[in-house]
Amino acid sequence: IEISNLKVGVRVGVTDAELSGIQEVSICLQLFPMHPLTQLDDDITRTVDYHAVYERVKELAVAHERRLIETLAEEITDMLLAEFNLSRVIVEIRKFILPDTATKADSPTSSSKGP
């Protein structure tokens, strides 16, 4: 299950100049519910509230500044696994710092956590 291209304004960067302003990043999430999709039985309580995931990711991303987008990716991964009924999460963040390009960071904890 994917949430793609969630745009969030964050303060992230190595230099003071980067940290001085809000930069838009694009966050993509791959979410793996604790229960296999074949066992959801059309029951919302057995899966993930995607609107709540969206809100929590935005809230966490803007909470404070970070030097590295890898740090943000790891924080998002840890939060999602702790707060939602997920067995695995893959987080990808794209930061647009050079003209016509994107710098990408995948969460270093994108391999599964938990059972």
Protein backbone atom coordinates (compact mmCIF):
# COMPACT_ATOMS: atom_id res chain seq x y z
CA ILE A 1 0.00 0.00 0.00
CA GLU A 2 1.50 3.31 -1.04
CA ILE A 3 1.13 6.97 -0.25
CA SER A 4 3.02 8.79 -3.00
CA ASN A 5 4.44 12.28 -3.29
CA LEU A 6 3.23 13.73 -0.02
CA LYS A 7 4.51 17.32 -0.21
CA VAL A 8 5.68 18.83 3.07
CA GLY A 9 7.53 22.06 3.83
CA VAL A 10 10.43 21.29 6.19
CA ARG A 11 13.62 22.81 7.52
CA VAL A 12 16.37 20.42 6.49
CA GLY A 13 19.92 21.01 5.35
CA VAL A 14 23.58 20.88 6.19
CA THR A 15 24.26 24.59 5.78
CA ASP A 16 22.73 27.43 7.76
CA ALA A 17 21.47 28.86 4.46
CA GLU A 18 19.52 25.64 3.76
CA LEU A 19 18.07 25.68 7.28
CA SER A 20 17.05 29.33 7.08
CA GLY A 21 14.01 28.66 4.93
CA ILE A 22 11.28 26.11 4.36
CA GLN A 23 12.05 23.57 1.63
CA GLU A 24 9.48 21.33 0.03
CA VAL A 25 10.22 17.62 0.12
CA SER A 26 8.28 14.76 -1.41
CA ILE A 27 7.67 11.77 0.84
CA CYS A 28 6.64 8.36 -0.51
CA LEU A 29 5.56 5.58 1.83
CA GLN A 30 5.12 1.87 1.27
CA LEU A 31 3.08 0.41 4.11
CA PHE A 32 2.76 -3.26 4.92
CA PRO A 33 -0.13 -4.01 7.33
CA MET A 34 0.51 -6.44 10.16
CA HIS A 35 -2.21 -8.71 8.77
CA PRO A 36 -1.79 -10.12 5.25
CA LEU A 37 -4.13 -8.45 2.76
CA THR A 38 -5.96 -11.76 2.33
CA GLN A 39 -6.84 -11.72 6.05
CA LEU A 40 -8.30 -8.22 6.34
CA ASP A 41 -11.87 -9.52 5.93
CA ASP A 42 -13.01 -6.07 4.80
CA ASP A 43 -12.49 -4.88 8.40
CA ILE A 44 -10.97 -1.40 8.77
CA THR A 45 -9.65 -2.20 12.25
CA ARG A 46 -7.35 -4.86 10.76
CA THR A 47 -5.57 -2.41 8.47
CA VAL A 48 -4.21 1.16 8.65
CA ASP A 49 -5.99 4.51 8.83
CA TYR A 50 -4.20 6.18 5.91
CA HIS A 51 -5.51 9.64 6.74
CA ALA A 52 -4.02 9.30 10.23
CA VAL A 53 -0.70 8.20 8.67
CA TYR A 54 -0.78 11.25 6.39
CA GLU A 55 -1.47 13.62 9.31
CA ARG A 56 1.21 12.09 11.59
CA VAL A 57 3.89 12.17 8.88
CA LYS A 58 3.17 15.85 8.19
CA GLU A 59 3.16 16.63 11.92
CA LEU A 60 6.47 14.85 12.52
CA ALA A 61 8.15 16.34 9.45
CA VAL A 62 7.50 19.95 10.51
CA ALA A 63 8.16 19.39 14.23
CA HIS A 64 11.79 20.55 14.14
CA GLU A 65 14.74 21.12 11.82
CA ARG A 66 17.15 18.39 10.78
CA ARG A 67 20.51 18.39 9.05
CA LEU A 68 19.89 15.20 7.03
CA ILE A 69 16.88 13.91 5.12
CA GLU A 70 18.06 10.45 6.15
CA THR A 71 17.31 11.44 9.76
CA LEU A 72 13.78 12.45 8.79
CA ALA A 73 13.30 9.16 6.91
CA GLU A 74 14.41 7.15 9.94
CA GLU A 75 12.18 9.16 12.31
CA ILE A 76 9.15 8.60 10.06
CA THR A 77 9.89 4.87 9.83
CA ASP A 78 10.24 4.49 13.60
CA MET A 79 7.07 6.49 14.29
CA LEU A 80 4.94 4.57 11.79
CA LEU A 81 6.07 1.19 13.12
CA ALA A 82 5.46 2.28 16.72
CA GLU A 83 2.07 3.91 16.22
CA PHE A 84 0.36 1.94 13.46
CA ASN A 85 -0.52 -1.69 12.79
CA LEU A 86 2.38 -2.21 10.37
CA SER A 87 4.95 -4.95 9.99
CA ARG A 88 7.16 -3.06 7.54
CA VAL A 89 7.57 0.45 6.18
CA ILE A 90 9.65 1.84 3.34
CA VAL A 91 10.17 5.59 3.32
CA GLU A 92 11.60 7.56 0.42
CA ILE A 93 12.19 11.30 0.63
CA ARG A 94 13.12 13.55 -2.26
CA LYS A 95 14.63 16.96 -1.64
CA PHE A 96 14.93 19.41 -4.50
CA ILE A 97 18.15 21.37 -3.95
CA LEU A 98 19.81 21.49 -7.36
CA PRO A 99 18.10 22.89 -10.45
CA ASP A 100 16.07 20.28 -12.33
CA THR A 101 17.11 17.43 -9.99
CA ALA A 102 16.05 15.62 -6.84
CA THR A 103 18.21 14.27 -4.06
CA LYS A 104 16.71 11.05 -2.76
CA ALA A 105 17.06 9.38 0.65
CA ASP A 106 15.61 6.00 1.44
CA SER A 107 15.08 5.17 5.05
CA PRO A 108 18.02 3.17 6.37
CA THR A 109 15.46 1.12 8.27
CA SER A 110 13.38 0.27 5.21
CA SER A 111 13.90 -3.45 5.67
CA SER A 112 11.28 -4.92 7.93
CA LYS A 113 11.06 -4.21 11.63
CA GLY A 114 8.93 -6.41 13.81
CA PRO A 115 7.62 -9.88 13.06
